[in-house]
Amino acid sequence: MSDFLWGVSTSAFQIEGAFDAGGRGPSVWDEFTPVHENQNASVACDHYHRWREDVALMTQLGVNAYRFSVAWPRIQPSGKGPVNAEGLDFYDRLVDALVDAGIAPVVTLYHWDTPLALEAEGGWLNRDIADRFADYAALVVERLADRVKLWIPINEPAMVTLQGYAIGEHAPGKTLLFDALPTAHHLNLAHGRAVEVLRSSGAQAVGTANNHTPAWPAGPNDVAAAEAYGEIHNWIYADPVLSGRYPDAVAELLPIADGDLATIHQPLDFYGVNYYNPTRLRAPSEGNPLPFELVEIDEYERTGFGWPIVPAGLTEMINALRERHPDLPPVHVTESGCSFPAGLQDAERISYLDGHLQAARAAGVSGYFVWSLLDNFEWEAGYSQRFGLVEVDYDTQVRTPRDSFHWYRGVIRGE
């Protein structure tokens, strides 16, 4: 398994801090916070100033790949127009350090931190954002493609549409329900435009990081509800990217222009799956505007976040992708991880990761990235949920590897 990607993942907004340093502009998440217990990400893990220490931790861990995101507002503070040189310089230094350490940088261009000025123009509801995203992608790839081989345009578009625009638990906090669906098409279009730009600028490998969840019917009368949920969470993103078409039930709800599907359907070198848990659905009760209702999955142990621990769901999801798309490219698990309460003795996390790594191997994946290297700002939950192999004391910024860090190092070494 010498070519297997053993990695960890992070995102810019969740770890960098330095919200007003180095020419960075505001993002939708800067406006959406504070969240849980009046918390924000203005400092987070202060990775912007402590990145050398974090690269040293990864070197100690022994990973051969690190997936991180570039903050769009650091590169273009208003989402368009001239480049902020300080922003590109930061990622340039980080990439150099990773390459020097023998760690392959895996760059995600967008992990939810839309420049606030673009949101004022409609954000992902405005088709024009796909062109703005392609312009931004060009700035980054032209600077980094000589050293960065692996690229992912957009992290978890499903969460942007569902959490950000449909139910409003994430920035920008819209509650549009099914009227949020145009954002799914614009995210897919931005993915396709970015892939074109990445390829033309010499990117060697381009893929996805799509959040996927097996949609389980609660009972025999709930199959249609589960299928409806699967279409808006899984297939509205996977199908057009992999086959150039949308599921029939949602296609008529999307603002598709001539040529869009050809743009979206670009060849991929890998397909990234972010997996956390399955979702159980039942038919909606009277008065529910949605074609499904979520049902608790209570027969499994849970993470600190209350998410059911179902490693077999990862194998199930990847197998479903392959069955639906027989030409599926090599699969990387681009996020897999769990939150548990603070503490260095985290046997529960080790058990979780061991189970999911076995499930990933059973599915024949080519890479596995733990979420996350560090405890970090967990979106609407603030700092209350700790996902890190490394514990972060947010008062002092001291980083301390947990037992799971040492366990993962042993797994990578084949011990």
Protein backbone atom coordinates (compact mmCIF):
# COMPACT_ATOMS: atom_id res chain seq x y z
CA MET A 1 0.00 0.00 0.00
CA SER A 2 2.96 2.28 -0.65
CA ASP A 3 0.84 4.56 -2.87
CA PHE A 4 -2.05 4.68 -0.38
CA LEU A 5 -2.79 8.19 0.85
CA TRP A 6 -2.65 8.33 4.65
CA GLY A 7 -3.85 11.78 5.57
CA VAL A 8 -5.51 14.25 7.87
CA SER A 9 -7.92 17.03 6.89
CA THR A 10 -8.64 20.55 8.12
CA SER A 11 -10.31 23.68 6.77
CA ALA A 12 -9.19 27.28 6.72
CA PHE A 13 -12.02 28.90 8.67
CA GLN A 14 -11.95 26.23 11.37
CA ILE A 15 -8.24 26.48 12.22
CA GLU A 16 -6.55 29.58 10.80
CA GLY A 17 -7.88 32.41 12.95
CA ALA A 18 -6.20 35.70 11.99
CA PHE A 19 -9.56 36.81 10.63
CA ASP A 20 -8.37 40.35 9.90
CA ALA A 21 -4.66 39.70 9.27
CA GLY A 22 -2.72 39.57 6.04
CA GLY A 23 -5.32 41.37 3.97
CA ARG A 24 -8.08 38.80 4.48
CA GLY A 25 -11.61 40.01 3.81
CA PRO A 26 -14.74 38.99 5.73
CA SER A 27 -16.59 35.77 4.93
CA VAL A 28 -20.19 34.71 5.45
CA TRP A 29 -19.07 32.80 8.54
CA ASP A 30 -17.51 35.89 10.08
CA GLU A 31 -20.92 37.52 9.84
CA PHE A 32 -22.83 34.38 10.95
CA THR A 33 -20.83 34.04 14.16
CA PRO A 34 -20.92 34.19 17.14
CA VAL A 35 -22.59 30.84 17.65
CA HIS A 36 -22.57 28.38 20.59
CA GLU A 37 -21.83 30.22 23.87
CA ASN A 38 -21.03 33.41 21.97
CA GLN A 39 -18.02 31.82 20.24
CA ASN A 40 -16.37 32.84 16.97
CA ALA A 41 -13.37 31.75 14.89
CA SER A 42 -11.35 34.95 15.02
CA VAL A 43 -8.47 33.03 16.64
CA ALA A 44 -9.53 29.36 16.37
CA CYS A 45 -6.27 27.31 16.41
CA ASP A 46 -4.21 30.30 15.25
CA HIS A 47 -2.85 28.09 12.48
CA TYR A 48 -2.11 31.20 10.42
CA HIS A 49 0.71 31.97 12.86
CA ARG A 50 1.45 28.42 14.06
CA TRP A 51 1.49 26.49 10.79
CA ARG A 52 5.12 25.44 11.20
CA GLU A 53 4.24 23.73 14.47
CA ASP A 54 1.32 21.99 12.79
CA VAL A 55 3.46 20.75 9.90
CA ALA A 56 5.90 19.39 12.49
CA LEU A 57 3.02 17.52 14.13
CA MET A 58 2.08 15.97 10.79
CA THR A 59 5.68 14.95 10.23
CA GLN A 60 5.67 13.28 13.65
CA LEU A 61 2.36 11.60 12.78
CA GLY A 62 3.81 10.15 9.59
CA VAL A 63 1.04 11.06 7.15
CA ASN A 64 1.96 11.34 3.47
CA ALA A 65 -0.90 13.71 2.59
CA TYR A 66 -2.56 16.75 4.15
CA ARG A 67 -5.89 18.05 2.93
CA PHE A 68 -6.47 21.70 3.77
CA SER A 69 -8.55 24.50 2.30
CA VAL A 70 -7.54 27.85 0.91
CA ALA A 71 -9.60 30.73 2.28
CA TRP A 72 -11.19 32.50 -0.67
CA PRO A 73 -11.37 35.81 1.31
CA ARG A 74 -7.59 35.62 1.83
CA ILE A 75 -6.98 35.46 -1.91
CA GLN A 76 -9.73 37.84 -3.08
CA PRO A 77 -11.06 39.80 -0.09
CA SER A 78 -14.20 40.82 -1.98
CA GLY A 79 -14.54 37.60 -3.97
CA LYS A 80 -13.42 39.11 -7.25
CA GLY A 81 -10.92 41.53 -8.63
CA PRO A 82 -7.25 41.80 -7.73
CA VAL A 83 -5.39 39.16 -5.79
CA ASN A 84 -4.22 39.70 -2.22
CA ALA A 85 -0.54 38.80 -2.46
CA GLU A 86 -0.18 38.20 1.29
CA GLY A 87 -2.84 35.52 1.12
CA LEU A 88 -1.15 33.61 -1.68
CA ASP A 89 2.20 33.99 0.07
CA PHE A 90 0.83 32.27 3.18
CA TYR A 91 -0.28 29.18 1.27
CA ASP A 92 2.92 29.24 -0.78
CA ARG A 93 4.98 28.92 2.41
CA LEU A 94 2.71 26.20 3.78
CA VAL A 95 2.95 24.17 0.57
CA ASP A 96 6.74 24.50 0.52
CA ALA A 97 6.96 23.24 4.09
CA LEU A 98 4.70 20.28 3.35
CA VAL A 99 6.66 19.29 0.25
CA ASP A 100 9.93 19.59 2.18
CA ALA A 101 8.44 17.27 4.81
CA GLY A 102 7.42 14.69 2.22
CA ILE A 103 3.72 15.39 2.74
CA ALA A 104 1.55 15.78 -0.38
CA PRO A 105 -0.63 18.91 -0.19
CA VAL A 106 -4.26 18.22 -1.13
CA VAL A 107 -5.83 21.62 -1.76
CA THR A 108 -9.55 22.27 -1.35
CA LEU A 109 -10.44 25.58 -2.95
CA TYR A 110 -13.70 26.18 -1.08
CA HIS A 111 -14.73 25.01 2.37
CA TRP A 112 -17.76 27.23 3.00
CA ASP A 113 -16.09 30.62 3.61
CA THR A 114 -17.75 32.60 0.81
CA PRO A 115 -16.49 36.19 0.64
CA LEU A 116 -19.16 38.33 2.25
CA ALA A 117 -19.29 40.72 -0.70
CA LEU A 118 -20.36 37.85 -2.98
CA GLU A 119 -23.10 36.81 -0.58
CA ALA A 120 -24.45 40.35 -0.82
CA GLU A 121 -24.91 39.65 -4.55
CA GLY A 122 -26.86 36.46 -3.84
CA GLY A 123 -24.05 34.07 -3.02
CA TRP A 124 -24.69 30.57 -4.35
CA LEU A 125 -28.19 31.61 -5.44
CA ASN A 126 -26.56 33.79 -8.12
CA ARG A 127 -25.33 31.87 -11.15
CA ASP A 128 -22.55 34.41 -11.64
CA ILE A 129 -20.69 32.99 -8.64
CA ALA A 130 -19.58 30.01 -10.75
CA ASP A 131 -17.55 32.36 -12.95
CA ARG A 132 -16.16 34.20 -9.94
CA PHE A 133 -15.11 30.87 -8.46
CA ALA A 134 -13.33 29.89 -11.67
CA ASP A 135 -11.43 33.19 -11.61
CA TYR A 136 -10.39 32.54 -8.01
CA ALA A 137 -9.36 28.96 -8.84
CA ALA A 138 -7.10 30.29 -11.58
CA LEU A 139 -5.26 32.56 -9.15
CA VAL A 140 -4.55 29.71 -6.74
CA VAL A 141 -3.64 27.01 -9.23
CA GLU A 142 -1.29 29.27 -11.16
CA ARG A 143 0.65 29.88 -7.95
CA LEU A 144 0.67 26.37 -6.51
CA ALA A 145 0.27 23.80 -9.31
CA ASP A 146 4.01 23.30 -9.68
CA ARG A 147 4.02 21.67 -6.22
CA VAL A 148 0.41 20.68 -5.55
CA LYS A 149 -0.68 17.56 -7.42
CA LEU A 150 -4.12 16.90 -5.87
CA TRP A 151 -7.00 19.38 -6.05
CA ILE A 152 -10.59 19.46 -4.83
CA PRO A 153 -12.74 22.41 -5.95
CA ILE A 154 -15.56 22.32 -3.38
CA ASN A 155 -16.00 20.64 -0.01
CA GLU A 156 -19.42 19.13 0.71
CA PRO A 157 -21.71 21.13 -1.56
CA ALA A 158 -24.63 19.29 0.04
CA MET A 159 -23.97 21.01 3.35
CA VAL A 160 -23.83 24.43 1.70
CA THR A 161 -27.24 23.92 0.11
CA LEU A 162 -28.98 22.03 2.92
CA GLN A 163 -27.47 23.61 6.04
CA GLY A 164 -26.67 27.05 4.65
CA TYR A 165 -29.60 27.84 2.39
CA ALA A 166 -32.40 25.35 3.09
CA ILE A 167 -32.60 25.17 6.90
CA GLY A 168 -30.25 27.95 7.99
CA GLU A 169 -28.11 26.18 10.61
CA HIS A 170 -24.96 27.28 8.75
CA ALA A 171 -23.97 30.53 7.11
CA PRO A 172 -25.53 32.38 5.39
CA GLY A 173 -28.49 31.26 7.51
CA LYS A 174 -31.19 31.11 4.83
CA THR A 175 -34.34 29.03 5.37
CA LEU A 176 -35.49 28.53 1.78
CA LEU A 177 -36.26 24.78 1.93
CA PHE A 178 -36.67 23.56 -1.66
CA ASP A 179 -36.13 27.06 -3.01
CA ALA A 180 -32.48 26.50 -2.03
CA LEU A 181 -32.02 23.89 -4.78
CA PRO A 182 -30.65 26.34 -7.39
CA THR A 183 -27.59 26.63 -5.15
CA ALA A 184 -26.90 22.93 -5.76
CA HIS A 185 -26.73 23.51 -9.50
CA HIS A 186 -24.55 26.59 -9.12
CA LEU A 187 -22.17 24.69 -6.82
CA ASN A 188 -21.95 21.88 -9.38
CA LEU A 189 -21.39 24.41 -12.15
CA ALA A 190 -18.63 26.07 -10.13
CA HIS A 191 -17.05 22.66 -9.64
CA GLY A 192 -17.06 22.05 -13.39
CA ARG A 193 -15.69 25.48 -14.24
CA ALA A 194 -12.95 25.07 -11.66
CA VAL A 195 -11.97 21.64 -12.99
CA GLU A 196 -11.56 23.18 -16.46
CA VAL A 197 -9.32 25.90 -15.02
CA LEU A 198 -7.31 23.46 -12.91
CA ARG A 199 -6.68 21.18 -15.87
CA SER A 200 -5.64 24.04 -18.14
CA SER A 201 -3.14 25.22 -15.54
CA GLY A 202 -1.45 21.88 -15.08
CA ALA A 203 -3.23 20.27 -12.13
CA GLN A 204 -2.33 16.58 -12.21
CA ALA A 205 -5.22 15.11 -10.22
CA VAL A 206 -8.66 16.60 -9.56
CA GLY A 207 -11.45 15.11 -7.47
CA THR A 208 -14.27 15.81 -5.05
CA ALA A 209 -14.99 15.85 -1.32
CA ASN A 210 -18.71 15.10 -1.28
CA ASN A 211 -20.61 14.40 1.91
CA HIS A 212 -22.50 11.15 1.52
CA THR A 213 -24.95 9.39 3.79
CA PRO A 214 -26.84 6.13 3.24
CA ALA A 215 -30.55 7.01 3.31
CA TRP A 216 -32.34 4.32 5.32
CA PRO A 217 -36.15 3.98 5.24
CA ALA A 218 -37.63 3.67 8.73
CA GLY A 219 -40.11 1.07 7.49
CA PRO A 220 -41.60 -0.47 4.35
CA ASN A 221 -43.86 2.55 3.80
CA ASP A 222 -40.95 4.98 3.94
CA VAL A 223 -38.93 3.92 0.89
CA ALA A 224 -40.06 6.91 -1.18
CA ALA A 225 -39.08 9.28 1.63
CA ALA A 226 -35.60 7.73 1.83
CA GLU A 227 -35.20 7.92 -1.94
CA ALA A 228 -36.21 11.60 -1.94
CA TYR A 229 -33.65 12.39 0.73
CA GLY A 230 -30.96 10.42 -1.06
CA GLU A 231 -31.58 12.44 -4.20
CA ILE A 232 -31.12 15.85 -2.57
CA HIS A 233 -28.22 14.82 -0.30
CA ASN A 234 -26.26 12.35 -2.44
CA TRP A 235 -27.30 12.08 -6.06
CA ILE A 236 -27.95 15.72 -6.97
CA TYR A 237 -24.17 16.14 -6.55
CA ALA A 238 -22.75 12.75 -7.56
CA ASP A 239 -24.86 12.10 -10.66
CA PRO A 240 -24.13 15.22 -12.76
CA VAL A 241 -20.43 15.12 -11.88
CA LEU A 242 -20.08 11.41 -12.67
CA SER A 243 -22.63 10.91 -15.46
CA GLY A 244 -23.68 14.32 -16.74
CA ARG A 245 -27.31 14.10 -15.64
CA TYR A 246 -29.44 14.91 -12.63
CA PRO A 247 -31.95 12.59 -10.97
CA ASP A 248 -35.24 13.01 -12.82
CA ALA A 249 -37.13 14.15 -9.72
CA VAL A 250 -34.88 17.15 -9.13
CA ALA A 251 -33.82 18.11 -12.66
CA GLU A 252 -37.03 20.07 -13.29
CA LEU A 253 -36.40 22.15 -10.17
CA LEU A 254 -32.98 23.37 -11.31
CA PRO A 255 -32.02 26.36 -13.51
CA ILE A 256 -30.06 24.32 -16.07
CA ALA A 257 -28.82 26.20 -19.13
CA ASP A 258 -27.57 24.66 -22.37
CA GLY A 259 -24.08 23.29 -21.92
CA ASP A 260 -24.18 23.26 -18.12
CA LEU A 261 -24.18 19.49 -17.73
CA ALA A 262 -21.25 19.11 -20.10
CA THR A 263 -19.34 21.64 -18.00
CA ILE A 264 -20.19 19.83 -14.77
CA HIS A 265 -19.36 16.37 -16.15
CA GLN A 266 -15.57 16.65 -16.20
CA PRO A 267 -13.28 13.60 -15.96
CA LEU A 268 -12.12 13.04 -12.38
CA ASP A 269 -8.96 11.36 -11.13
CA PHE A 270 -10.47 10.43 -7.77
CA TYR A 271 -13.81 10.66 -6.02
CA GLY A 272 -13.65 11.89 -2.44
CA VAL A 273 -16.25 10.76 0.08
CA ASN A 274 -16.78 12.49 3.43
CA TYR A 275 -18.69 10.06 5.64
CA TYR A 276 -19.95 10.40 9.19
CA ASN A 277 -23.20 8.46 9.58
CA PRO A 278 -26.33 7.16 7.84
CA THR A 279 -29.66 9.02 7.90
CA ARG A 280 -33.02 7.36 8.62
CA LEU A 281 -36.18 8.75 6.99
CA ARG A 282 -39.91 8.26 7.18
CA ALA A 283 -42.84 9.59 5.20
CA PRO A 284 -43.75 13.15 6.21
CA SER A 285 -46.51 13.88 8.68
CA GLU A 286 -49.42 16.05 7.63
CA GLY A 287 -48.44 19.68 7.10
CA ASN A 288 -44.74 18.97 6.56
CA PRO A 289 -43.59 20.83 3.41
CA LEU A 290 -40.79 18.30 2.86
CA PRO A 291 -41.23 14.80 1.34
CA PHE A 292 -39.49 13.15 4.31
CA GLU A 293 -38.85 13.41 8.04
CA LEU A 294 -35.65 12.46 9.83
CA VAL A 295 -35.87 9.64 12.37
CA GLU A 296 -33.37 9.02 15.13
CA ILE A 297 -31.01 6.07 14.68
CA ASP A 298 -30.86 4.83 18.26
CA GLU A 299 -29.59 1.24 18.05
CA TYR A 300 -25.92 2.21 17.75
CA GLU A 301 -23.41 3.85 20.07
CA ARG A 302 -22.96 7.58 19.51
CA THR A 303 -20.17 10.11 19.25
CA GLY A 304 -19.97 13.11 21.53
CA PHE A 305 -21.97 14.97 18.90
CA GLY A 306 -24.74 12.38 19.19
CA TRP A 307 -24.04 10.91 15.76
CA PRO A 308 -24.58 7.14 15.41
CA ILE A 309 -21.38 5.13 14.93
CA VAL A 310 -21.97 2.92 11.88
CA PRO A 311 -18.73 1.98 10.10
CA ALA A 312 -20.57 -0.39 7.75
CA GLY A 313 -22.43 2.63 6.38
CA LEU A 314 -19.19 3.79 4.76
CA THR A 315 -18.79 0.53 2.84
CA GLU A 316 -22.50 0.61 1.98
CA MET A 317 -22.25 4.15 0.59
CA ILE A 318 -19.18 3.52 -1.54
CA ASN A 319 -20.71 0.32 -2.90
CA ALA A 320 -23.89 2.26 -3.75
CA LEU A 321 -21.82 4.83 -5.63
CA ARG A 322 -20.07 2.09 -7.60
CA GLU A 323 -23.33 0.34 -8.39
CA ARG A 324 -24.90 3.56 -9.65
CA HIS A 325 -21.72 4.70 -11.43
CA PRO A 326 -19.73 1.65 -12.63
CA ASP A 327 -16.95 3.89 -13.97
CA LEU A 328 -16.38 5.49 -10.57
CA PRO A 329 -12.75 6.64 -10.32
CA PRO A 330 -10.56 5.60 -7.37
CA VAL A 331 -12.19 6.57 -4.07
CA HIS A 332 -10.52 8.45 -1.24
CA VAL A 333 -12.25 8.86 2.11
CA THR A 334 -11.56 12.58 2.33
CA GLU A 335 -13.07 12.96 5.82
CA SER A 336 -13.69 10.41 8.56
CA GLY A 337 -13.70 11.29 12.22
CA CYS A 338 -15.60 11.89 15.42
CA SER A 339 -15.95 14.23 18.36
CA PHE A 340 -15.55 13.12 21.94
CA PRO A 341 -15.03 15.12 25.14
CA ALA A 342 -11.65 16.66 25.92
CA GLY A 343 -8.88 14.41 27.19
CA LEU A 344 -5.78 12.68 25.91
CA GLN A 345 -6.91 9.11 26.58
CA ASP A 346 -9.41 8.79 23.72
CA ALA A 347 -10.01 5.06 23.34
CA GLU A 348 -13.46 5.81 21.90
CA ARG A 349 -11.89 7.73 19.00
CA ILE A 350 -9.40 4.93 18.36
CA SER A 351 -12.26 2.42 18.23
CA TYR A 352 -14.22 4.68 15.89
CA LEU A 353 -11.33 5.21 13.50
CA ASP A 354 -10.32 1.56 13.56
CA GLY A 355 -13.84 0.51 12.59
CA HIS A 356 -14.10 3.07 9.82
CA LEU A 357 -10.66 2.29 8.47
CA GLN A 358 -11.63 -1.38 8.24
CA ALA A 359 -14.84 -0.36 6.45
CA ALA A 360 -12.83 1.81 4.05
CA ARG A 361 -10.48 -1.06 3.29
CA ALA A 362 -13.46 -3.34 2.68
CA ALA A 363 -14.66 -0.82 0.10
CA GLY A 364 -11.29 -0.82 -1.66
CA VAL A 365 -10.43 2.85 -1.21
CA SER A 366 -7.15 4.47 -2.23
CA GLY A 367 -6.82 7.01 0.57
CA TYR A 368 -8.07 7.78 4.07
CA PHE A 369 -8.03 11.22 5.69
CA VAL A 370 -8.88 11.60 9.38
CA TRP A 371 -10.97 14.57 10.39
CA SER A 372 -9.18 16.17 11.98
CA LEU A 373 -5.56 16.88 12.81
CA LEU A 374 -6.55 19.46 15.45
CA ASP A 375 -9.50 20.26 17.64
CA ASN A 376 -11.09 23.21 15.89
CA PHE A 377 -14.05 25.53 15.46
CA GLU A 378 -16.91 23.15 14.67
CA TRP A 379 -19.24 25.54 12.83
CA GLU A 380 -22.55 26.07 14.66
CA ALA A 381 -21.25 24.07 17.66
CA GLY A 382 -18.33 26.43 18.23
CA TYR A 383 -15.56 24.85 20.29
CA SER A 384 -17.86 22.38 22.07
CA GLN A 385 -17.02 19.41 19.81
CA ARG A 386 -13.45 18.11 19.68
CA PHE A 387 -12.49 16.13 16.56
CA GLY A 388 -8.70 16.32 16.83
CA LEU A 389 -6.01 13.69 16.97
CA VAL A 390 -4.27 16.60 18.70
CA GLU A 391 -5.89 18.35 21.65
CA VAL A 392 -5.82 22.14 21.50
CA ASP A 393 -5.97 24.28 24.63
CA TYR A 394 -7.73 27.30 23.18
CA ASP A 395 -6.53 29.58 26.00
CA THR A 396 -2.83 28.86 25.45
CA GLN A 397 -2.84 27.30 21.93
CA VAL A 398 -0.76 24.41 23.33
CA ARG A 399 -1.12 21.32 21.13
CA THR A 400 -0.88 17.87 22.74
CA PRO A 401 -1.14 14.62 20.74
CA ARG A 402 -3.83 12.25 22.00
CA ASP A 403 -3.58 8.48 22.23
CA SER A 404 -5.37 8.34 18.86
CA PHE A 405 -2.50 10.31 17.30
CA HIS A 406 -0.01 7.67 18.41
CA TRP A 407 -2.38 4.88 17.34
CA TYR A 408 -2.80 6.35 13.85
CA ARG A 409 0.97 6.76 13.54
CA GLY A 410 1.32 3.05 14.25
CA VAL A 411 -1.34 2.15 11.69
CA ILE A 412 0.44 4.20 9.03
CA ARG A 413 3.70 2.46 9.88
CA GLY A 414 2.03 -0.94 9.59
CA GLU A 415 2.59 -1.76 13.25
